[in-house]
């Protein structure tokens, strides 16, 4: 009986984690769309847009370890 209860608790925990991950994913996607819309609607110069893209790529490279080394 205890094994069955533990299995049910495990399944509930997995479902809760999947739900939290899905909520975080949809919120991140929504916020990303809003940010992209705001960046493109500002009408900044071409050099400004290029510098923002380069900054994002640099931060991605550093955090993934490609530029910063391991």
PDB file of N, CA and C in Angstrom:
ATOM      1  N   UNK A   1       0.824  -1.200   0.000  1.00  0.00           N
ATOM      2  CA  UNK A   1       0.000   0.000   0.000  1.00  0.00           C
ATOM      3  C   UNK A   1       0.866   1.261   0.000  1.00  0.00           C
ATOM      4  N   UNK A   2       1.936   1.211   0.783  1.00  0.00           N
ATOM      5  CA  UNK A   2       2.821   2.372   0.857  1.00  0.00           C
ATOM      6  C   UNK A   2       3.498   2.622  -0.482  1.00  0.00           C
ATOM      7  N   UNK A   3       3.841   1.547  -1.197  1.00  0.00           N
ATOM      8  CA  UNK A   3       4.459   1.706  -2.517  1.00  0.00           C
ATOM      9  C   UNK A   3       3.506   2.392  -3.484  1.00  0.00           C
ATOM     10  N   UNK A   4       2.264   2.022  -3.415  1.00  0.00           N
ATOM     11  CA  UNK A   4       1.264   2.627  -4.291  1.00  0.00           C
ATOM     12  C   UNK A   4       1.112   4.122  -3.997  1.00  0.00           C
ATOM     13  N   UNK A   5       1.088   4.468  -2.711  1.00  0.00           N
ATOM     14  CA  UNK A   5       0.986   5.886  -2.342  1.00  0.00           C
ATOM     15  C   UNK A   5       2.214   6.673  -2.795  1.00  0.00           C
ATOM     16  N   UNK A   6       3.389   6.066  -2.641  1.00  0.00           N
ATOM     17  CA  UNK A   6       4.611   6.733  -3.096  1.00  0.00           C
ATOM     18  C   UNK A   6       4.614   6.904  -4.609  1.00  0.00           C
ATOM     19  N   UNK A   7       4.126   5.918  -5.330  1.00  0.00           N
ATOM     20  CA  UNK A   7       4.039   6.017  -6.778  1.00  0.00           C
ATOM     21  C   UNK A   7       3.077   7.129  -7.188  1.00  0.00           C
ATOM     22  N   UNK A   8       1.956   7.218  -6.518  1.00  0.00           N
ATOM     23  CA  UNK A   8       0.985   8.287  -6.808  1.00  0.00           C
ATOM     24  C   UNK A   8       1.586   9.652  -6.491  1.00  0.00           C
ATOM     25  N   UNK A   9       2.299   9.759  -5.370  1.00  0.00           N
ATOM     26  CA  UNK A   9       2.968  11.015  -5.031  1.00  0.00           C
ATOM     27  C   UNK A   9       4.025  11.389  -6.064  1.00  0.00           C
ATOM     28  N   UNK A  10       4.772  10.413  -6.544  1.00  0.00           N
ATOM     29  CA  UNK A  10       5.780  10.654  -7.564  1.00  0.00           C
ATOM     30  C   UNK A  10       5.140  11.153  -8.857  1.00  0.00           C
ATOM     31  N   UNK A  11       4.050  10.522  -9.248  1.00  0.00           N
ATOM     32  CA  UNK A  11       3.354  10.951 -10.462  1.00  0.00           C
ATOM     33  C   UNK A  11       2.798  12.367 -10.316  1.00  0.00           C
ATOM     34  N   UNK A  12       2.268  12.681  -9.144  1.00  0.00           N
ATOM     35  CA  UNK A  12       1.765  14.036  -8.903  1.00  0.00           C
ATOM     36  C   UNK A  12       2.891  15.064  -8.963  1.00  0.00           C
ATOM     37  N   UNK A  13       4.038  14.710  -8.411  1.00  0.00           N
ATOM     38  CA  UNK A  13       5.183  15.619  -8.451  1.00  0.00           C
ATOM     39  C   UNK A  13       5.664  15.829  -9.883  1.00  0.00           C
ATOM     40  N   UNK A  14       5.685  14.770 -10.668  1.00  0.00           N
ATOM     41  CA  UNK A  14       6.104  14.896 -12.064  1.00  0.00           C
ATOM     42  C   UNK A  14       5.129  15.768 -12.839  1.00  0.00           C
ATOM     43  N   UNK A  15       3.845  15.570 -12.630  1.00  0.00           N
ATOM     44  CA  UNK A  15       2.835  16.387 -13.308  1.00  0.00           C
ATOM     45  C   UNK A  15       2.974  17.856 -12.899  1.00  0.00           C
ATOM     46  N   UNK A  16       3.229  18.111 -11.620  1.00  0.00           N
ATOM     47  CA  UNK A  16       3.399  19.483 -11.150  1.00  0.00           C
ATOM     48  C   UNK A  16       4.636  20.122 -11.766  1.00  0.00           C
ATOM     49  N   UNK A  17       5.729  19.379 -11.863  1.00  0.00           N
ATOM     50  CA  UNK A  17       6.947  19.915 -12.475  1.00  0.00           C
ATOM     51  C   UNK A  17       6.753  20.200 -13.963  1.00  0.00           C
ATOM     52  N   UNK A  18       6.052  19.325 -14.643  1.00  0.00           N
ATOM     53  CA  UNK A  18       5.783  19.542 -16.068  1.00  0.00           C
ATOM     54  C   UNK A  18       4.898  20.773 -16.245  1.00  0.00           C
ATOM     55  N   UNK A  19       3.907  20.932 -15.385  1.00  0.00           N
ATOM     56  CA  UNK A  19       3.042  22.108 -15.465  1.00  0.00           C
ATOM     57  C   UNK A  19       3.799  23.395 -15.197  1.00  0.00           C
ATOM     58  N   UNK A  20       4.689  23.376 -14.217  1.00  0.00           N
ATOM     59  CA  UNK A  20       5.482  24.569 -13.920  1.00  0.00           C
ATOM     60  C   UNK A  20       6.428  24.894 -15.068  1.00  0.00           C
ATOM     61  N   UNK A  21       7.026  23.869 -15.669  1.00  0.00           N
ATOM     62  CA  UNK A  21       7.925  24.093 -16.799  1.00  0.00           C
ATOM     63  C   UNK A  21       7.157  24.648 -17.994  1.00  0.00           C
ATOM     64  N   UNK A  22       5.971  24.133 -18.249  1.00  0.00           N
ATOM     65  CA  UNK A  22       5.167  24.633 -19.367  1.00  0.00           C
ATOM     66  C   UNK A  22       4.744  26.078 -19.137  1.00  0.00           C
ATOM     67  N   UNK A  23       4.387  26.412 -17.904  1.00  0.00           N
ATOM     68  CA  UNK A  23       4.004  27.792 -17.602  1.00  0.00           C
ATOM     69  C   UNK A  23       5.189  28.737 -17.770  1.00  0.00           C
ATOM     70  N   UNK A  24       6.359  28.310 -17.318  1.00  0.00           N
ATOM     71  CA  UNK A  24       7.552  29.144 -17.474  1.00  0.00           C
ATOM     72  C   UNK A  24       7.910  29.310 -18.947  1.00  0.00           C
ATOM     73  N   UNK A  25       7.764  28.245 -19.712  1.00  0.00           N
ATOM     74  CA  UNK A  25       8.082  28.301 -21.141  1.00  0.00           C
ATOM     75  C   UNK A  25       7.141  29.266 -21.868  1.00  0.00           C
ATOM     76  N   UNK A  26       5.856  29.189 -21.606  1.00  0.00           N
ATOM     77  CA  UNK A  26       4.918  30.070 -22.298  1.00  0.00           C
ATOM     78  C   UNK A  26       5.115  31.529 -21.874  1.00  0.00           C
ATOM     79  N   UNK A  27       5.411  31.741 -20.588  1.00  0.00           N
ATOM     80  CA  UNK A  27       5.646  33.116 -20.131  1.00  0.00           C
ATOM     81  C   UNK A  27       6.907  33.690 -20.764  1.00  0.00           C
ATOM     82  N   UNK A  28       7.963  32.883 -20.859  1.00  0.00           N
ATOM     83  CA  UNK A  28       9.204  33.341 -21.483  1.00  0.00           C
ATOM     84  C   UNK A  28       8.982  33.653 -22.959  1.00  0.00           C
ATOM     85  N   UNK A  29       8.196  32.836 -23.628  1.00  0.00           N
ATOM     86  CA  UNK A  29       7.914  33.084 -25.039  1.00  0.00           C
ATOM     87  C   UNK A  29       7.120  34.373 -25.207  1.00  0.00           C
ATOM     88  N   UNK A  30       6.151  34.589 -24.331  1.00  0.00           N
ATOM     89  CA  UNK A  30       5.348  35.802 -24.402  1.00  0.00           C
ATOM     90  C   UNK A  30       6.197  37.047 -24.137  1.00  0.00           C
ATOM     91  N   UNK A  31       7.051  36.969 -23.111  1.00  0.00           N
ATOM     92  CA  UNK A  31       7.912  38.107 -22.792  1.00  0.00           C
ATOM     93  C   UNK A  31       8.919  38.360 -23.908  1.00  0.00           C
ATOM     94  N   UNK A  32       9.411  37.288 -24.523  1.00  0.00           N
ATOM     95  CA  UNK A  32      10.350  37.435 -25.637  1.00  0.00           C
ATOM     96  C   UNK A  32       9.698  38.111 -26.832  1.00  0.00           C
ATOM     97  N   UNK A  33       8.462  37.760 -27.114  1.00  0.00           N
ATOM     98  CA  UNK A  33       7.752  38.403 -28.213  1.00  0.00           C
ATOM     99  C   UNK A  33       7.536  39.880 -27.919  1.00  0.00           C
ATOM    100  N   UNK A  34       7.187  40.204 -26.685  1.00  0.00           N
ATOM    101  CA  UNK A  34       6.979  41.601 -26.310  1.00  0.00           C
ATOM    102  C   UNK A  34       8.276  42.390 -26.434  1.00  0.00           C
ATOM    103  N   UNK A  35       9.373  41.802 -25.977  1.00  0.00           N
ATOM    104  CA  UNK A  35      10.668  42.471 -26.063  1.00  0.00           C
ATOM    105  C   UNK A  35      11.082  42.669 -27.509  1.00  0.00           C
ATOM    106  N   UNK A  36      10.891  41.655 -28.339  1.00  0.00           N
ATOM    107  CA  UNK A  36      11.245  41.776 -29.752  1.00  0.00           C
ATOM    108  C   UNK A  36      10.393  42.844 -30.425  1.00  0.00           C
ATOM    109  N   UNK A  37       9.127  42.898 -30.083  1.00  0.00           N
ATOM    110  CA  UNK A  37       8.244  43.904 -30.666  1.00  0.00           C
ATOM    111  C   UNK A  37       8.684  45.310 -30.250  1.00  0.00           C
ATOM    112  N   UNK A  38       9.068  45.462 -28.972  1.00  0.00           N
ATOM    113  CA  UNK A  38       9.516  46.766 -28.499  1.00  0.00           C
ATOM    114  C   UNK A  38      10.829  47.183 -29.147  1.00  0.00           C
ATOM    115  N   UNK A  39      11.747  46.240 -29.330  1.00  0.00           N
ATOM    116  CA  UNK A  39      13.032  46.571 -29.940  1.00  0.00           C
ATOM    117  C   UNK A  39      12.881  46.968 -31.400  1.00  0.00           C
ATOM    118  N   UNK A  40      11.989  46.284 -32.125  1.00  0.00           N
ATOM    119  CA  UNK A  40      11.831  46.593 -33.539  1.00  0.00           C
ATOM    120  C   UNK A  40      10.994  47.845 -33.759  1.00  0.00           C
ATOM    121  N   UNK A  41      10.152  48.200 -32.801  1.00  0.00           N
ATOM    122  CA  UNK A  41       9.285  49.363 -33.007  1.00  0.00           C
ATOM    123  C   UNK A  41       9.959  50.674 -32.614  1.00  0.00           C
ATOM    124  N   UNK A  42      11.124  50.610 -31.945  1.00  0.00           N
ATOM    125  CA  UNK A  42      11.772  51.850 -31.536  1.00  0.00           C
ATOM    126  C   UNK A  42      12.354  52.597 -32.717  1.00  0.00           C
ATOM    127  N   UNK A  43      12.634  51.878 -33.803  1.00  0.00           N
ATOM    128  CA  UNK A  43      13.143  52.547 -34.977  1.00  0.00           C
ATOM    129  C   UNK A  43      14.568  53.037 -34.803  1.00  0.00           C
ATOM    130  N   UNK A  44      15.359  52.335 -34.004  1.00  0.00           N
ATOM    131  CA  UNK A  44      16.742  52.717 -33.779  1.00  0.00           C
ATOM    132  C   UNK A  44      17.558  52.582 -35.052  1.00  0.00           C
ATOM    133  N   UNK A  45      18.758  53.149 -35.016  1.00  0.00           N
ATOM    134  CA  UNK A  45      19.619  53.088 -36.190  1.00  0.00           C
ATOM    135  C   UNK A  45      20.062  51.654 -36.435  1.00  0.00           C
ATOM    136  N   UNK A  46      20.554  51.421 -37.623  1.00  0.00           N
ATOM    137  CA  UNK A  46      21.001  50.084 -37.978  1.00  0.00           C
ATOM    138  C   UNK A  46      22.166  49.635 -37.108  1.00  0.00           C
ATOM    139  N   UNK A  47      23.062  50.577 -36.784  1.00  0.00           N
ATOM    140  CA  UNK A  47      24.209  50.238 -35.955  1.00  0.00           C
ATOM    141  C   UNK A  47      23.767  49.846 -34.547  1.00  0.00           C
ATOM    142  N   UNK A  48      22.727  50.485 -34.055  1.00  0.00           N
ATOM    143  CA  UNK A  48      22.208  50.163 -32.721  1.00  0.00           C
ATOM    144  C   UNK A  48      21.642  48.745 -32.697  1.00  0.00           C
ATOM    145  N   UNK A  49      20.922  48.385 -33.726  1.00  0.00           N
ATOM    146  CA  UNK A  49      20.361  47.034 -33.794  1.00  0.00           C
ATOM    147  C   UNK A  49      21.459  45.987 -33.896  1.00  0.00           C
ATOM    148  N   UNK A  50      22.478  46.284 -34.692  1.00  0.00           N
ATOM    149  CA  UNK A  50      23.590  45.347 -34.840  1.00  0.00           C
ATOM    150  C   UNK A  50      24.319  45.180 -33.517  1.00  0.00           C
ATOM    151  N   UNK A  51      24.493  46.281 -32.789  1.00  0.00           N
ATOM    152  CA  UNK A  51      25.200  46.184 -31.512  1.00  0.00           C
ATOM    153  C   UNK A  51      24.391  45.387 -30.487  1.00  0.00           C
ATOM    154  N   UNK A  52      23.073  45.521 -30.492  1.00  0.00           N
ATOM    155  CA  UNK A  52      22.245  44.720 -29.589  1.00  0.00           C
ATOM    156  C   UNK A  52      22.351  43.235 -29.944  1.00  0.00           C
ATOM    157  N   UNK A  53      22.306  42.922 -31.222  1.00  0.00           N
ATOM    158  CA  UNK A  53      22.421  41.520 -31.643  1.00  0.00           C
ATOM    159  C   UNK A  53      23.789  40.965 -31.270  1.00  0.00           C
ATOM    160  N   UNK A  54      24.851  41.762 -31.458  1.00  0.00           N
ATOM    161  CA  UNK A  54      26.197  41.305 -31.099  1.00  0.00           C
ATOM    162  C   UNK A  54      26.307  41.098 -29.589  1.00  0.00           C
ATOM    163  N   UNK A  55      25.695  41.953 -28.816  1.00  0.00           N
ATOM    164  CA  UNK A  55      25.731  41.813 -27.363  1.00  0.00           C
ATOM    165  C   UNK A  55      25.026  40.539 -26.918  1.00  0.00           C
ATOM    166  N   UNK A  56      23.894  40.240 -27.511  1.00  0.00           N
ATOM    167  CA  UNK A  56      23.160  39.022 -27.166  1.00  0.00           C
ATOM    168  C   UNK A  56      23.982  37.792 -27.524  1.00  0.00           C
ATOM    169  N   UNK A  57      24.618  37.805 -28.710  1.00  0.00           N
ATOM    170  CA  UNK A  57      25.450  36.670 -29.105  1.00  0.00           C
ATOM    171  C   UNK A  57      26.655  36.527 -28.193  1.00  0.00           C
ATOM    172  N   UNK A  58      27.253  37.635 -27.787  1.00  0.00           N
ATOM    173  CA  UNK A  58      28.391  37.590 -26.874  1.00  0.00           C
ATOM    174  C   UNK A  58      27.983  37.014 -25.524  1.00  0.00           C
ATOM    175  N   UNK A  59      26.845  37.456 -24.998  1.00  0.00           N
ATOM    176  CA  UNK A  59      26.389  36.935 -23.705  1.00  0.00           C
ATOM    177  C   UNK A  59      26.055  35.451 -23.805  1.00  0.00           C
ATOM    178  N   UNK A  60      25.473  35.020 -24.919  1.00  0.00           N
ATOM    179  CA  UNK A  60      25.163  33.605 -25.105  1.00  0.00           C
ATOM    180  C   UNK A  60      26.442  32.785 -25.164  1.00  0.00           C
ATOM    181  N   UNK A  61      27.453  33.305 -25.867  1.00  0.00           N
ATOM    182  CA  UNK A  61      28.724  32.581 -25.959  1.00  0.00           C
ATOM    183  C   UNK A  61      29.426  32.475 -24.625  1.00  0.00           C
ATOM    184  N   UNK A  62      29.387  33.533 -23.837  1.00  0.00           N
ATOM    185  CA  UNK A  62      30.056  33.511 -22.537  1.00  0.00           C
ATOM    186  C   UNK A  62      29.337  32.563 -21.590  1.00  0.00           C
ATOM    187  N   UNK A  63      28.013  32.618 -21.567  1.00  0.00           N
ATOM    188  CA  UNK A  63      27.278  31.766 -20.629  1.00  0.00           C
ATOM    189  C   UNK A  63      27.321  30.299 -21.030  1.00  0.00           C
ATOM    190  N   UNK A  64      27.428  30.010 -22.303  1.00  0.00           N
ATOM    191  CA  UNK A  64      27.503  28.609 -22.711  1.00  0.00           C
ATOM    192  C   UNK A  64      28.915  28.062 -22.612  1.00  0.00           C
ATOM    193  N   UNK A  65      29.905  28.921 -22.397  1.00  0.00           N
ATOM    194  CA  UNK A  65      31.269  28.464 -22.244  1.00  0.00           C
ATOM    195  C   UNK A  65      32.063  28.432 -23.527  1.00  0.00           C
ATOM    196  N   UNK A  66      31.457  28.820 -24.639  1.00  0.00           N
ATOM    197  CA  UNK A  66      32.181  28.792 -25.905  1.00  0.00           C
ATOM    198  C   UNK A  66      33.263  29.869 -25.962  1.00  0.00           C
ATOM    199  N   UNK A  67      33.005  31.024 -25.380  1.00  0.00           N
ATOM    200  CA  UNK A  67      33.979  32.101 -25.397  1.00  0.00           C
ATOM    201  C   UNK A  67      34.758  32.223 -24.097  1.00  0.00           C
ATOM    202  N   UNK A  68      34.143  31.830 -23.007  1.00  0.00           N
ATOM    203  CA  UNK A  68      34.770  32.017 -21.704  1.00  0.00           C
ATOM    204  C   UNK A  68      35.644  30.866 -21.258  1.00  0.00           C
ATOM    205  N   UNK A  69      35.665  29.796 -21.991  1.00  0.00           N
ATOM    206  CA  UNK A  69      36.431  28.629 -21.575  1.00  0.00           C
ATOM    207  C   UNK A  69      35.677  27.863 -20.499  1.00  0.00           C
ATOM    208  N   UNK A  70      36.155  26.715 -20.225  1.00  0.00           N
ATOM    209  CA  UNK A  70      35.501  25.900 -19.204  1.00  0.00           C
ATOM    210  C   UNK A  70      36.292  25.984 -17.968  1.00  0.00           C
TER     211      UNK A  70
END
